[in-house]
Amino acid sequence: MNPPSVHRRALIIWLAIYPGITVLSVLLGPVLAPLPVYLRTLVLTGILVPAAVYGLVPALLRANAALTGRRRSGRSTAGADALKPAADTAAPSST
């Protein structure tokens, strides 16, 4: 199966990052409030980037593959084999 298009990958990454930042901001906001914004961002990205790279994005890519495979499996591919050229299996003659 082909990998998703760059547009679909961007959407998948956004679906991992935006909710993750929102949840972490709500949960850690009171704790991180006294810190300067660059340190808050450092803490949030230090937690979220590994979570997204190792957990969220792979899970979303698997879900995308399952949904895409399920949607494509409904189409008929019977005519696709008729369009492929037949492979020539005869051995070359040595004359």
Protein backbone atom coordinates (compact mmCIF):
# COMPACT_ATOMS: atom_id res chain seq x y z
CA MET A 1 0.00 0.00 0.00
CA ASN A 2 1.25 3.48 -0.84
CA PRO A 3 2.01 5.94 1.95
CA PRO A 4 -0.52 8.74 2.44
CA SER A 5 -0.13 11.94 0.45
CA VAL A 6 1.77 14.85 1.94
CA HIS A 7 -1.54 16.61 2.60
CA ARG A 8 -2.98 13.66 4.48
CA ARG A 9 0.26 13.26 6.49
CA ALA A 10 0.10 16.96 7.42
CA LEU A 11 -3.48 16.47 8.63
CA ILE A 12 -2.47 13.36 10.61
CA ILE A 13 0.40 15.20 12.29
CA TRP A 14 -1.88 18.14 13.07
CA LEU A 15 -4.42 15.72 14.57
CA ALA A 16 -1.68 14.49 16.91
CA ILE A 17 -0.12 17.86 17.79
CA TYR A 18 -3.06 20.23 18.28
CA PRO A 19 -5.05 18.13 20.76
CA GLY A 20 -1.82 17.14 22.52
CA ILE A 21 -0.78 20.75 23.04
CA THR A 22 -4.28 21.65 24.18
CA VAL A 23 -4.43 18.83 26.73
CA LEU A 24 -0.91 19.47 28.03
CA SER A 25 -1.59 23.21 28.30
CA VAL A 26 -4.72 22.56 30.35
CA LEU A 27 -3.06 19.96 32.57
CA LEU A 28 0.30 21.69 33.05
CA GLY A 29 -0.78 25.31 32.63
CA PRO A 30 -1.04 26.13 36.34
CA VAL A 31 2.30 24.46 37.07
CA LEU A 32 4.11 26.12 34.17
CA ALA A 33 2.48 29.57 34.50
CA PRO A 34 5.35 31.10 36.52
CA LEU A 35 7.88 30.14 33.83
CA PRO A 36 8.76 32.37 30.88
CA VAL A 37 7.03 31.41 27.63
CA TYR A 38 10.18 29.93 26.07
CA LEU A 39 10.59 27.51 29.01
CA ARG A 40 6.89 26.57 28.92
CA THR A 41 7.25 25.83 25.22
CA LEU A 42 10.40 23.81 25.88
CA VAL A 43 8.62 21.67 28.48
CA LEU A 44 5.50 21.17 26.35
CA THR A 45 7.44 20.23 23.21
CA GLY A 46 9.81 18.06 25.24
CA ILE A 47 6.81 15.98 26.30
CA LEU A 48 4.69 16.18 23.17
CA VAL A 49 7.22 15.56 20.39
CA PRO A 50 8.31 12.12 21.64
CA ALA A 51 4.69 11.22 22.45
CA ALA A 52 3.63 12.20 18.93
CA VAL A 53 6.58 10.58 17.12
CA TYR A 54 6.50 7.27 18.98
CA GLY A 55 2.81 6.95 19.84
CA LEU A 56 0.25 9.31 18.39
CA VAL A 57 1.36 9.61 14.76
CA PRO A 58 1.99 5.86 14.25
CA ALA A 59 -1.43 5.10 15.76
CA LEU A 60 -3.09 7.65 13.47
CA LEU A 61 -1.20 6.29 10.44
CA ARG A 62 -2.44 2.77 11.27
CA ALA A 63 -5.98 4.09 11.64
CA ASN A 64 -5.64 5.90 8.31
CA ALA A 65 -4.40 2.73 6.62
CA ALA A 66 -7.28 0.72 8.07
CA LEU A 67 -9.85 3.29 6.97
CA THR A 68 -8.31 3.70 3.53
CA GLY A 69 -8.00 -0.06 3.03
CA ARG A 70 -11.57 -0.61 4.12
CA ARG A 71 -12.83 2.05 1.73
CA ARG A 72 -10.78 0.76 -1.20
CA SER A 73 -11.70 -2.89 -0.63
CA GLY A 74 -15.27 -2.12 -1.68
CA ARG A 75 -14.19 -1.34 -5.23
CA SER A 76 -13.93 -4.02 -7.85
CA THR A 77 -10.44 -4.73 -9.19
CA ALA A 78 -11.45 -7.50 -11.58
CA GLY A 79 -10.77 -5.40 -14.66
CA ALA A 80 -7.35 -4.28 -13.46
CA ASP A 81 -5.69 -7.61 -14.33
CA ALA A 82 -7.04 -7.45 -17.87
CA LEU A 83 -5.21 -4.17 -18.44
CA LYS A 84 -1.79 -5.52 -17.42
CA PRO A 85 0.39 -6.90 -20.23
CA ALA A 86 1.08 -10.61 -20.00
CA ALA A 87 4.62 -11.55 -19.01
CA ASP A 88 6.53 -13.45 -21.66
CA THR A 89 7.73 -16.62 -19.94
CA ALA A 90 9.24 -18.32 -22.98
CA ALA A 91 12.98 -18.88 -22.75
CA PRO A 92 15.02 -17.05 -25.39
CA SER A 93 16.18 -19.28 -28.21
CA SER A 94 19.90 -19.62 -28.77
CA THR A 95 20.51 -19.93 -32.49
